[in-house]
């Protein structure tokens, strides 16, 4: 079955760092663009970052300069390195995979279940 599994979330102080991972299975990972999204209570889902099959990258203005996305096709994994975290970064973070389109992801063919990131204040 197709699966995307996020990990690496947790509780961190403002200014701290976390590294999220998204591990894919059940489809040809290297053909897909992978995006990270987040959703906080009472807020709309927000696109955070995206990386294409040929490693073009996209970042939302709110995270530019603080977050870095990368992929390791041999491990079927996409990473999101998050530095200088702020309380407003608190959300459930999801990864999604989409074929054919570029970045940012507009639809999402497959979605993970999410990992909680909490930045305390």
C-alpha atoms as a PDB file:
ATOM      1  CA  UNK A   1       0.000   0.000   0.000  1.00  0.00           C
ATOM      2  CA  UNK A   2       0.988   3.606  -0.521  1.00  0.00           C
ATOM      3  CA  UNK A   3       2.303   5.175   2.654  1.00  0.00           C
ATOM      4  CA  UNK A   4       3.877   8.438   3.746  1.00  0.00           C
ATOM      5  CA  UNK A   5       5.059   8.440   7.350  1.00  0.00           C
ATOM      6  CA  UNK A   6       6.227  11.612   9.085  1.00  0.00           C
ATOM      7  CA  UNK A   7       8.464  11.644  12.140  1.00  0.00           C
ATOM      8  CA  UNK A   8      10.712  13.997  14.076  1.00  0.00           C
ATOM      9  CA  UNK A   9       8.173  16.294  15.659  1.00  0.00           C
ATOM     10  CA  UNK A  10       8.174  17.204  19.308  1.00  0.00           C
ATOM     11  CA  UNK A  11       8.423  19.991  21.842  1.00  0.00           C
ATOM     12  CA  UNK A  12      11.141  22.595  21.372  1.00  0.00           C
ATOM     13  CA  UNK A  13      11.962  26.022  22.789  1.00  0.00           C
ATOM     14  CA  UNK A  14      11.798  29.158  20.656  1.00  0.00           C
ATOM     15  CA  UNK A  15      15.022  29.454  18.699  1.00  0.00           C
ATOM     16  CA  UNK A  16      15.533  25.706  18.701  1.00  0.00           C
ATOM     17  CA  UNK A  17      15.682  23.230  15.830  1.00  0.00           C
ATOM     18  CA  UNK A  18      13.929  20.088  14.661  1.00  0.00           C
ATOM     19  CA  UNK A  19      14.430  17.808  11.684  1.00  0.00           C
ATOM     20  CA  UNK A  20      11.326  16.197  10.220  1.00  0.00           C
ATOM     21  CA  UNK A  21      11.424  13.097   8.033  1.00  0.00           C
ATOM     22  CA  UNK A  22       8.890  11.785   5.533  1.00  0.00           C
ATOM     23  CA  UNK A  23       9.419   8.165   4.485  1.00  0.00           C
ATOM     24  CA  UNK A  24       7.514   6.928   1.436  1.00  0.00           C
ATOM     25  CA  UNK A  25       6.604   3.443   0.245  1.00  0.00           C
ATOM     26  CA  UNK A  26       4.312   1.822  -2.301  1.00  0.00           C
ATOM     27  CA  UNK A  27       5.075   4.122  -5.240  1.00  0.00           C
ATOM     28  CA  UNK A  28       8.018   5.229  -7.357  1.00  0.00           C
ATOM     29  CA  UNK A  29       9.285   7.935  -5.057  1.00  0.00           C
ATOM     30  CA  UNK A  30      11.845   9.531  -7.378  1.00  0.00           C
ATOM     31  CA  UNK A  31       9.144  10.557  -9.886  1.00  0.00           C
ATOM     32  CA  UNK A  32       7.174  12.563  -7.338  1.00  0.00           C
ATOM     33  CA  UNK A  33       7.336  16.079  -5.995  1.00  0.00           C
ATOM     34  CA  UNK A  34       7.133  16.128  -2.198  1.00  0.00           C
ATOM     35  CA  UNK A  35       5.686  18.960  -0.143  1.00  0.00           C
ATOM     36  CA  UNK A  36       5.446  19.829   3.519  1.00  0.00           C
ATOM     37  CA  UNK A  37       2.276  21.427   4.867  1.00  0.00           C
ATOM     38  CA  UNK A  38       1.196  22.484   8.322  1.00  0.00           C
ATOM     39  CA  UNK A  39      -2.059  23.194  10.083  1.00  0.00           C
ATOM     40  CA  UNK A  40      -2.592  24.829  13.447  1.00  0.00           C
ATOM     41  CA  UNK A  41      -5.889  24.807  15.365  1.00  0.00           C
ATOM     42  CA  UNK A  42      -8.288  27.357  13.918  1.00  0.00           C
ATOM     43  CA  UNK A  43      -6.076  28.090  10.924  1.00  0.00           C
ATOM     44  CA  UNK A  44      -6.090  26.992   7.309  1.00  0.00           C
ATOM     45  CA  UNK A  45      -3.639  24.434   6.019  1.00  0.00           C
ATOM     46  CA  UNK A  46      -0.491  26.182   4.856  1.00  0.00           C
ATOM     47  CA  UNK A  47       2.084  25.083   2.321  1.00  0.00           C
ATOM     48  CA  UNK A  48       5.524  25.267   3.942  1.00  0.00           C
ATOM     49  CA  UNK A  49       8.026  23.864   1.474  1.00  0.00           C
ATOM     50  CA  UNK A  50       8.300  21.630  -1.553  1.00  0.00           C
ATOM     51  CA  UNK A  51      10.964  19.777  -3.517  1.00  0.00           C
ATOM     52  CA  UNK A  52      10.572  18.423  -7.042  1.00  0.00           C
ATOM     53  CA  UNK A  53      11.882  15.211  -8.528  1.00  0.00           C
ATOM     54  CA  UNK A  54      14.811  17.200  -9.966  1.00  0.00           C
ATOM     55  CA  UNK A  55      15.392  19.005  -6.638  1.00  0.00           C
ATOM     56  CA  UNK A  56      13.924  22.394  -7.381  1.00  0.00           C
ATOM     57  CA  UNK A  57      12.846  23.833  -4.020  1.00  0.00           C
ATOM     58  CA  UNK A  58      10.096  26.154  -2.849  1.00  0.00           C
ATOM     59  CA  UNK A  59       9.613  27.869   0.512  1.00  0.00           C
ATOM     60  CA  UNK A  60       6.799  29.912   1.953  1.00  0.00           C
ATOM     61  CA  UNK A  61       7.852  33.437   2.877  1.00  0.00           C
ATOM     62  CA  UNK A  62       7.163  32.699   6.534  1.00  0.00           C
ATOM     63  CA  UNK A  63       9.893  30.031   6.691  1.00  0.00           C
ATOM     64  CA  UNK A  64      12.372  31.222   4.071  1.00  0.00           C
ATOM     65  CA  UNK A  65      15.875  31.389   5.479  1.00  0.00           C
ATOM     66  CA  UNK A  66      14.977  29.202   8.466  1.00  0.00           C
ATOM     67  CA  UNK A  67      13.835  25.893   6.935  1.00  0.00           C
ATOM     68  CA  UNK A  68      15.632  23.669   4.429  1.00  0.00           C
ATOM     69  CA  UNK A  69      14.068  20.839   2.446  1.00  0.00           C
ATOM     70  CA  UNK A  70      16.064  17.959   0.957  1.00  0.00           C
ATOM     71  CA  UNK A  71      15.504  14.467  -0.396  1.00  0.00           C
ATOM     72  CA  UNK A  72      17.346  11.155  -0.450  1.00  0.00           C
ATOM     73  CA  UNK A  73      15.837   9.012  -3.189  1.00  0.00           C
ATOM     74  CA  UNK A  74      17.869   5.965  -2.136  1.00  0.00           C
ATOM     75  CA  UNK A  75      16.046   6.068   1.208  1.00  0.00           C
ATOM     76  CA  UNK A  76      12.668   7.202  -0.166  1.00  0.00           C
ATOM     77  CA  UNK A  77      12.874  10.060   2.308  1.00  0.00           C
ATOM     78  CA  UNK A  78      12.354  13.822   2.327  1.00  0.00           C
ATOM     79  CA  UNK A  79      13.633  15.932   5.198  1.00  0.00           C
ATOM     80  CA  UNK A  80      12.655  19.319   6.561  1.00  0.00           C
ATOM     81  CA  UNK A  81      15.345  20.943   8.685  1.00  0.00           C
ATOM     82  CA  UNK A  82      13.702  23.625  10.827  1.00  0.00           C
ATOM     83  CA  UNK A  83      15.914  26.176  12.559  1.00  0.00           C
ATOM     84  CA  UNK A  84      15.175  29.320  14.566  1.00  0.00           C
ATOM     85  CA  UNK A  85      11.756  27.982  15.456  1.00  0.00           C
ATOM     86  CA  UNK A  86       9.058  30.374  16.616  1.00  0.00           C
ATOM     87  CA  UNK A  87       5.834  29.800  18.563  1.00  0.00           C
ATOM     88  CA  UNK A  88       3.870  30.516  15.393  1.00  0.00           C
ATOM     89  CA  UNK A  89       5.515  27.464  13.803  1.00  0.00           C
ATOM     90  CA  UNK A  90       3.466  25.271  16.150  1.00  0.00           C
ATOM     91  CA  UNK A  91       1.274  22.979  14.034  1.00  0.00           C
ATOM     92  CA  UNK A  92       0.764  19.470  12.780  1.00  0.00           C
ATOM     93  CA  UNK A  93       3.154  18.990   9.871  1.00  0.00           C
ATOM     94  CA  UNK A  94       2.154  16.783   6.940  1.00  0.00           C
ATOM     95  CA  UNK A  95       4.014  15.583   3.885  1.00  0.00           C
ATOM     96  CA  UNK A  96       2.334  14.993   0.543  1.00  0.00           C
ATOM     97  CA  UNK A  97       3.405  13.514  -2.790  1.00  0.00           C
ATOM     98  CA  UNK A  98       2.255  14.648  -6.231  1.00  0.00           C
ATOM     99  CA  UNK A  99       3.233  13.565  -9.722  1.00  0.00           C
ATOM    100  CA  UNK A 100       3.454  15.698 -12.893  1.00  0.00           C
ATOM    101  CA  UNK A 101       3.030  19.157 -11.377  1.00  0.00           C
ATOM    102  CA  UNK A 102       5.864  21.238 -10.026  1.00  0.00           C
ATOM    103  CA  UNK A 103       6.218  23.131  -6.759  1.00  0.00           C
ATOM    104  CA  UNK A 104       4.266  24.211  -4.853  1.00  0.00           C
ATOM    105  CA  UNK A 105       2.064  21.139  -4.700  1.00  0.00           C
ATOM    106  CA  UNK A 106      -1.503  22.021  -5.625  1.00  0.00           C
ATOM    107  CA  UNK A 107      -3.368  18.764  -5.010  1.00  0.00           C
ATOM    108  CA  UNK A 108      -1.466  15.985  -3.274  1.00  0.00           C
ATOM    109  CA  UNK A 109      -1.894  12.452  -4.587  1.00  0.00           C
ATOM    110  CA  UNK A 110      -0.835  10.896  -1.273  1.00  0.00           C
ATOM    111  CA  UNK A 111      -0.755  12.285   2.263  1.00  0.00           C
ATOM    112  CA  UNK A 112       0.781  11.263   5.555  1.00  0.00           C
ATOM    113  CA  UNK A 113      -0.882  11.348   8.959  1.00  0.00           C
ATOM    114  CA  UNK A 114       1.210  14.191  10.334  1.00  0.00           C
ATOM    115  CA  UNK A 115       3.625  14.871  13.164  1.00  0.00           C
ATOM    116  CA  UNK A 116       3.099  17.447  15.910  1.00  0.00           C
ATOM    117  CA  UNK A 117       5.557  20.309  16.294  1.00  0.00           C
ATOM    118  CA  UNK A 118       5.159  22.451  19.393  1.00  0.00           C
ATOM    119  CA  UNK A 119       7.329  25.514  19.996  1.00  0.00           C
ATOM    120  CA  UNK A 120       6.871  26.656  23.561  1.00  0.00           C
ATOM    121  CA  UNK A 121       6.889  30.261  24.668  1.00  0.00           C
END
